[in-house]
Amino acid sequence: MASKGRRSRGNAAQLKRYWATGPGSAKIRWNTAGDHKRCSRQLAKYLGPRAKAYCARLHFERTGVWPGDRRNIGRRR
């Protein structure tokens, strides 16, 4: 009998697409002030403490800069 554990959780690529370019992206509003914080809050429900690191990678992919970088739009001076 096959285990349903992995299959029922979804596809990682599909979830990444949802949060990077799909409807989840609209909730986060990438490349605006506070986008990393919004992402971390949204994904903390699903990823727990790993959300900040995952959102940092998504932030870099979407904006081209890491959160906290001086070139970041939302960075406080």
Protein backbone atom coordinates (compact mmCIF):
# COMPACT_ATOMS: atom_id res chain seq x y z
CA MET A 1 0.00 0.00 0.00
CA ALA A 2 1.47 3.36 -1.06
CA SER A 3 1.86 6.18 1.40
CA LYS A 4 -0.12 9.37 0.74
CA GLY A 5 2.12 11.55 2.91
CA ARG A 6 4.13 13.32 0.26
CA ARG A 7 1.53 13.46 -2.47
CA SER A 8 -1.17 15.11 -0.40
CA ARG A 9 1.05 18.06 0.58
CA GLY A 10 1.37 19.50 -2.92
CA ASN A 11 4.11 20.33 -5.31
CA ALA A 12 6.99 22.60 -4.17
CA ALA A 13 7.34 24.20 -7.60
CA GLN A 14 3.62 24.95 -7.68
CA LEU A 15 3.74 26.60 -4.25
CA LYS A 16 6.80 28.65 -5.21
CA ARG A 17 5.00 29.82 -8.36
CA TYR A 18 1.95 30.77 -6.24
CA TRP A 19 3.97 32.94 -3.84
CA ALA A 20 6.42 34.34 -6.41
CA THR A 21 4.15 35.23 -9.35
CA GLY A 22 0.60 34.03 -8.62
CA PRO A 23 -2.17 35.18 -6.29
CA GLY A 24 0.18 34.95 -3.29
CA SER A 25 2.41 37.49 -4.97
CA ALA A 26 -0.46 39.99 -4.99
CA LYS A 27 -0.78 39.57 -1.21
CA ILE A 28 2.93 40.23 -0.72
CA ARG A 29 3.31 43.05 -3.29
CA TRP A 30 6.94 42.35 -4.18
CA ASN A 31 9.33 45.29 -4.65
CA THR A 32 7.43 47.57 -2.28
CA ALA A 33 8.33 48.61 1.25
CA GLY A 34 7.67 45.80 3.74
CA ASP A 35 7.44 42.99 1.20
CA HIS A 36 9.77 40.64 3.10
CA LYS A 37 7.85 41.16 6.33
CA ARG A 38 4.50 40.51 4.62
CA CYS A 39 5.91 37.34 3.05
CA SER A 40 7.27 36.11 6.38
CA ARG A 41 3.94 36.69 8.09
CA GLN A 42 1.95 34.94 5.38
CA LEU A 43 4.24 31.90 5.15
CA ALA A 44 4.88 31.52 8.90
CA LYS A 45 1.52 29.74 9.09
CA TYR A 46 2.83 27.02 6.79
CA LEU A 47 6.62 26.99 7.28
CA GLY A 48 7.07 28.14 10.87
CA PRO A 49 10.57 29.49 11.60
CA ARG A 50 11.79 28.55 8.10
CA ALA A 51 9.56 31.23 6.56
CA LYS A 52 12.07 34.07 6.90
CA ALA A 53 14.80 32.21 5.01
CA TYR A 54 12.40 31.04 2.30
CA CYS A 55 11.06 34.57 1.89
CA ALA A 56 14.59 35.97 1.70
CA ARG A 57 15.30 33.67 -1.25
CA LEU A 58 12.00 34.60 -2.93
CA HIS A 59 12.75 38.28 -2.30
CA PHE A 60 16.11 37.96 -4.02
CA GLU A 61 14.60 36.13 -6.99
CA ARG A 62 11.80 38.68 -7.42
CA THR A 63 13.68 41.93 -6.74
CA GLY A 64 17.34 41.16 -7.39
CA VAL A 65 18.49 42.32 -3.94
CA TRP A 66 18.52 40.63 -0.54
CA PRO A 67 16.33 41.95 2.28
CA GLY A 68 18.30 44.47 4.33
CA ASP A 69 20.59 45.39 1.43
CA ARG A 70 21.14 49.13 1.05
CA ARG A 71 19.74 48.92 -2.50
CA ASN A 72 16.46 47.51 -1.22
CA ILE A 73 13.44 49.78 -1.77
CA GLY A 74 11.93 49.19 1.65
CA ARG A 75 15.14 49.62 3.64
CA ARG A 76 15.13 52.27 6.36
CA ARG A 77 18.04 54.66 6.18
